[in-house]
Amino acid sequence: MQVSDTGIGIRADLLPYVFDRFRQGDSSSSKTGQGLGLGLSIVRHLVELHGGTVQAQSPGEGKGTRITIRVPLHSMPPKITPPTYLEPSVLSETLDTLDGKTESLILEGLCIIAVDDQADSRELIKRMLEDFGAEVLVVTSAREVIAALTESPGKYDVLLADIGMPEEDGFSLIHQVRELEAKAGGQIPAAAITAYATEQERQKAIDAGFQRHLAKPIDLTELVLMIANLSGRATDE
């Protein structure tokens, strides 16, 4: 099977790496285009599960791209167990197993502000955290975060911020937040929730002013534990 387009094409030096995770032609955290550099990696993974191969060809920038997929006619993929979404009751048991402090990890009463330019990511975070009793405000840009913090200083217990956003990325946001706090006093605990998942990116987020770095895709148990720690509901002990 071949899929061809007449779009922006792929540079010759990028062609060998287009199926690598998080690899993009424009990999800056403030890129104007959408996407995380995961799409073609997922394509390759799915094709290989069926015993096939996938290749990309392009004459160059501005000259379109052709993707070629080859799969055997009689290949059976291995059985895959889909990820399970942990309901609050199940997660409570998991947390209890982790440290015996389930009652201190409930998010009831916490007010959380989360920013992500992707609608599905915003809805996922909102739904998961509201299931555990938190009040969650989701916004789409750094500008909206600053407006909310300025309008209601001291209201929010935790800030969750995506890094790769257009116009102003997560690094720009956290710098603005810390500058705002330097004038008004106080400091909101903040976590970067991002597909930029390397150790270098984690350290970069911490150096910028975040207290935590959590890689996408989001693990619910990890997210709840992290917020509990940031808000003082639990410790890392």
Protein backbone atom coordinates (compact mmCIF):
# COMPACT_ATOMS: atom_id res chain seq x y z
CA MET A 1 0.00 0.00 0.00
CA GLN A 2 1.29 3.45 -0.89
CA VAL A 3 0.09 6.84 0.28
CA SER A 4 1.39 9.89 -1.60
CA ASP A 5 0.87 13.62 -1.25
CA THR A 6 2.14 16.80 -2.90
CA GLY A 7 2.82 18.63 0.36
CA ILE A 8 5.90 20.05 2.08
CA GLY A 9 8.03 16.95 1.55
CA ILE A 10 10.94 15.74 3.70
CA ARG A 11 14.55 16.91 3.64
CA ALA A 12 17.08 14.27 2.57
CA ASP A 13 18.96 14.50 5.89
CA LEU A 14 15.73 13.86 7.83
CA LEU A 15 14.46 10.87 5.79
CA PRO A 16 16.43 8.18 7.73
CA TYR A 17 14.93 9.41 11.02
CA VAL A 18 11.27 10.18 10.27
CA PHE A 19 10.06 7.03 12.05
CA ASP A 20 12.01 7.78 15.25
CA ARG A 21 9.97 8.83 18.28
CA PHE A 22 9.71 12.60 18.82
CA ARG A 23 11.68 13.34 15.64
CA GLN A 24 10.35 16.36 13.72
CA GLY A 25 11.53 18.72 11.01
CA ASP A 26 10.71 21.58 13.37
CA SER A 27 11.42 20.29 16.88
CA SER A 28 11.33 23.61 18.76
CA SER A 29 8.97 23.71 21.74
CA SER A 30 7.23 26.79 20.29
CA LYS A 31 6.64 25.34 16.82
CA THR A 32 3.59 26.63 14.95
CA GLY A 33 2.50 23.22 13.63
CA GLN A 34 0.71 20.58 15.69
CA GLY A 35 2.03 17.13 16.57
CA LEU A 36 4.63 15.59 18.85
CA GLY A 37 6.67 13.55 16.39
CA LEU A 38 4.90 10.33 17.42
CA GLY A 39 2.60 9.68 14.44
CA LEU A 40 5.02 7.93 12.10
CA SER A 41 6.62 6.06 15.00
CA ILE A 42 3.20 4.65 15.88
CA VAL A 43 2.64 3.74 12.22
CA ARG A 44 5.89 1.78 12.13
CA HIS A 45 5.05 0.04 15.42
CA LEU A 46 1.63 -1.07 14.16
CA VAL A 47 2.98 -2.22 10.81
CA GLU A 48 5.76 -4.23 12.46
CA LEU A 49 3.22 -5.89 14.78
CA HIS A 50 1.68 -7.28 11.59
CA GLY A 51 5.07 -8.50 10.37
CA GLY A 52 5.44 -5.72 7.83
CA THR A 53 7.71 -2.81 6.94
CA VAL A 54 7.17 0.87 6.22
CA GLN A 55 9.36 3.27 4.22
CA ALA A 56 9.26 6.98 3.41
CA GLN A 57 10.44 8.55 0.15
CA SER A 58 10.57 12.20 -0.86
CA PRO A 59 12.31 14.08 -3.68
CA GLY A 60 12.89 16.94 -1.22
CA GLU A 61 11.24 19.91 0.42
CA GLY A 62 8.13 21.14 -1.36
CA LYS A 63 7.95 18.02 -3.54
CA GLY A 64 5.65 15.75 -1.58
CA THR A 65 6.11 12.42 0.21
CA ARG A 66 5.33 8.78 -0.49
CA ILE A 67 4.83 6.26 2.33
CA THR A 68 5.05 2.58 1.34
CA ILE A 69 3.68 -0.14 3.62
CA ARG A 70 4.28 -3.84 2.99
CA VAL A 71 2.59 -6.53 5.08
CA PRO A 72 2.41 -10.30 4.55
CA LEU A 73 -1.01 -11.64 3.59
CA HIS A 74 -1.20 -14.29 6.30
CA SER A 75 0.45 -12.77 9.35
CA MET A 76 -1.19 -12.85 12.77
CA PRO A 77 -0.13 -10.08 15.16
CA PRO A 78 0.78 -11.09 18.72
CA LYS A 79 -1.91 -10.76 21.34
CA ILE A 80 -1.72 -7.33 22.94
CA THR A 81 -3.22 -6.37 26.27
CA PRO A 82 -4.65 -2.84 26.00
CA PRO A 83 -3.79 -0.31 28.73
CA THR A 84 -6.33 -0.08 31.52
CA TYR A 85 -7.77 3.18 32.76
CA LEU A 86 -7.70 3.01 36.55
CA GLU A 87 -10.95 4.03 38.17
CA PRO A 88 -10.68 5.94 41.47
CA SER A 89 -11.45 2.88 43.61
CA VAL A 90 -8.81 0.80 41.83
CA LEU A 91 -6.25 3.58 42.03
CA SER A 92 -6.93 3.99 45.75
CA GLU A 93 -6.01 0.34 46.24
CA THR A 94 -2.88 0.87 44.15
CA LEU A 95 -1.84 3.90 46.17
CA ASP A 96 -2.55 2.03 49.38
CA THR A 97 -0.24 -0.73 48.22
CA LEU A 98 2.44 1.83 47.43
CA ASP A 99 2.68 3.55 50.80
CA GLY A 100 -0.29 2.86 53.03
CA LYS A 101 -1.31 6.53 52.99
CA THR A 102 -4.31 6.49 50.69
CA GLU A 103 -6.31 8.90 52.83
CA SER A 104 -3.60 11.56 52.52
CA LEU A 105 -3.47 11.26 48.72
CA ILE A 106 -7.06 12.16 47.91
CA LEU A 107 -7.22 15.31 45.76
CA GLU A 108 -10.49 16.50 47.30
CA GLY A 109 -10.41 20.28 47.76
CA LEU A 110 -7.40 20.95 45.56
CA CYS A 111 -7.72 23.57 42.82
CA ILE A 112 -5.58 22.77 39.79
CA ILE A 113 -4.93 24.81 36.65
CA ALA A 114 -3.77 22.89 33.56
CA VAL A 115 -2.70 24.29 30.20
CA ASP A 116 -2.38 22.34 26.94
CA ASP A 117 -3.07 23.43 23.37
CA GLN A 118 -4.47 19.97 22.53
CA ALA A 119 -8.18 19.57 23.34
CA ASP A 120 -8.00 15.81 23.95
CA SER A 121 -5.13 16.22 26.44
CA ARG A 122 -7.05 18.92 28.31
CA GLU A 123 -10.17 16.79 28.54
CA LEU A 124 -8.20 13.73 29.70
CA ILE A 125 -6.48 15.60 32.51
CA LYS A 126 -9.70 17.29 33.59
CA ARG A 127 -11.67 14.04 33.67
CA MET A 128 -8.99 12.07 35.51
CA LEU A 129 -8.39 14.65 38.23
CA GLU A 130 -12.05 15.52 38.76
CA ASP A 131 -12.66 11.80 39.34
CA PHE A 132 -10.46 12.21 42.42
CA GLY A 133 -12.25 15.26 43.75
CA ALA A 134 -10.03 18.04 42.43
CA GLU A 135 -11.39 21.26 40.96
CA VAL A 136 -9.71 21.66 37.57
CA LEU A 137 -9.50 24.67 35.27
CA VAL A 138 -8.15 23.82 31.81
CA VAL A 139 -6.92 26.55 29.49
CA THR A 140 -5.33 26.63 26.05
CA SER A 141 -2.43 29.09 26.31
CA ALA A 142 0.19 30.66 28.55
CA ARG A 143 -1.67 33.96 28.31
CA GLU A 144 -4.79 32.40 29.83
CA VAL A 145 -2.76 30.95 32.70
CA ILE A 146 -1.27 34.34 33.56
CA ALA A 147 -4.71 35.94 33.37
CA ALA A 148 -6.18 33.33 35.74
CA LEU A 149 -3.32 33.63 38.24
CA THR A 150 -3.50 37.43 38.14
CA GLU A 151 -7.28 37.47 38.59
CA SER A 152 -7.28 34.97 41.47
CA PRO A 153 -3.89 35.02 43.25
CA GLY A 154 -3.48 32.17 45.71
CA LYS A 155 -6.49 30.25 44.39
CA TYR A 156 -4.64 27.47 42.59
CA ASP A 157 -2.70 24.75 44.41
CA VAL A 158 -0.88 23.22 41.44
CA LEU A 159 -0.03 24.24 37.85
CA LEU A 160 0.24 21.57 35.14
CA ALA A 161 1.76 22.86 31.92
CA ASP A 162 2.46 21.36 28.52
CA ILE A 163 5.86 22.37 27.11
CA GLY A 164 5.28 22.21 23.35
CA MET A 165 2.74 24.96 22.69
CA PRO A 166 2.63 27.49 19.81
CA GLU A 167 3.42 31.17 20.37
CA GLU A 168 4.49 30.82 24.02
CA ASP A 169 5.77 27.44 25.18
CA GLY A 170 5.87 26.01 28.68
CA PHE A 171 9.30 27.46 29.41
CA SER A 172 8.11 30.96 28.56
CA LEU A 173 5.06 30.39 30.77
CA ILE A 174 6.95 29.25 33.86
CA HIS A 175 9.33 32.22 33.55
CA GLN A 176 6.33 34.58 33.51
CA VAL A 177 4.71 32.78 36.44
CA ARG A 178 7.85 33.02 38.57
CA GLU A 179 8.30 36.69 37.66
CA LEU A 180 4.68 37.38 38.63
CA GLU A 181 5.20 35.62 41.96
CA ALA A 182 8.38 37.55 42.65
CA LYS A 183 6.29 40.72 42.64
CA ALA A 184 3.17 39.38 44.37
CA GLY A 185 4.72 36.81 46.70
CA GLY A 186 4.08 33.09 47.05
CA GLN A 187 4.88 30.28 44.64
CA ILE A 188 2.58 27.80 42.94
CA PRO A 189 4.02 24.27 42.63
CA ALA A 190 4.30 23.46 38.94
CA ALA A 191 4.79 20.35 36.84
CA ALA A 192 5.72 20.04 33.17
CA ILE A 193 3.59 17.33 31.52
CA THR A 194 5.15 16.80 28.13
CA ALA A 195 6.19 14.44 25.37
CA TYR A 196 9.71 15.90 25.62
CA ALA A 197 10.73 12.98 27.80
CA THR A 198 14.53 12.72 27.80
CA GLU A 199 16.65 13.29 30.91
CA GLN A 200 18.00 16.46 29.32
CA GLU A 201 14.46 17.78 28.84
CA ARG A 202 13.58 16.86 32.42
CA GLN A 203 16.54 18.81 33.76
CA LYS A 204 15.76 21.72 31.46
CA ALA A 205 12.22 21.87 32.88
CA ILE A 206 13.49 21.79 36.47
CA ASP A 207 16.07 24.49 35.75
CA ALA A 208 13.36 26.66 34.17
CA GLY A 209 11.29 26.67 37.37
CA PHE A 210 9.14 23.51 37.38
CA GLN A 211 9.27 21.25 40.43
CA ARG A 212 8.31 18.09 38.54
CA HIS A 213 8.50 16.65 35.01
CA LEU A 214 6.03 13.97 33.87
CA ALA A 215 6.31 12.35 30.45
CA LYS A 216 3.34 11.71 28.17
CA PRO A 217 1.43 9.45 27.76
CA ILE A 218 0.15 10.19 31.25
CA ASP A 219 0.12 7.41 33.84
CA LEU A 220 -2.80 8.11 36.20
CA THR A 221 -1.19 6.70 39.33
CA GLU A 222 1.98 8.69 38.68
CA LEU A 223 -0.02 11.87 38.04
CA VAL A 224 -2.06 11.60 41.26
CA LEU A 225 1.03 10.82 43.33
CA MET A 226 2.89 13.75 41.80
CA ILE A 227 0.06 16.21 42.52
CA ALA A 228 -0.27 14.88 46.05
CA ASN A 229 3.43 15.47 46.59
CA LEU A 230 3.39 18.94 45.03
CA SER A 231 0.42 20.03 47.12
CA GLY A 232 1.80 18.68 50.38
CA ARG A 233 -0.79 15.90 50.67
CA ALA A 234 1.99 13.32 50.66
CA THR A 235 5.79 13.12 50.62
CA ASP A 236 8.26 11.29 48.45
CA GLU A 237 9.24 9.10 51.41
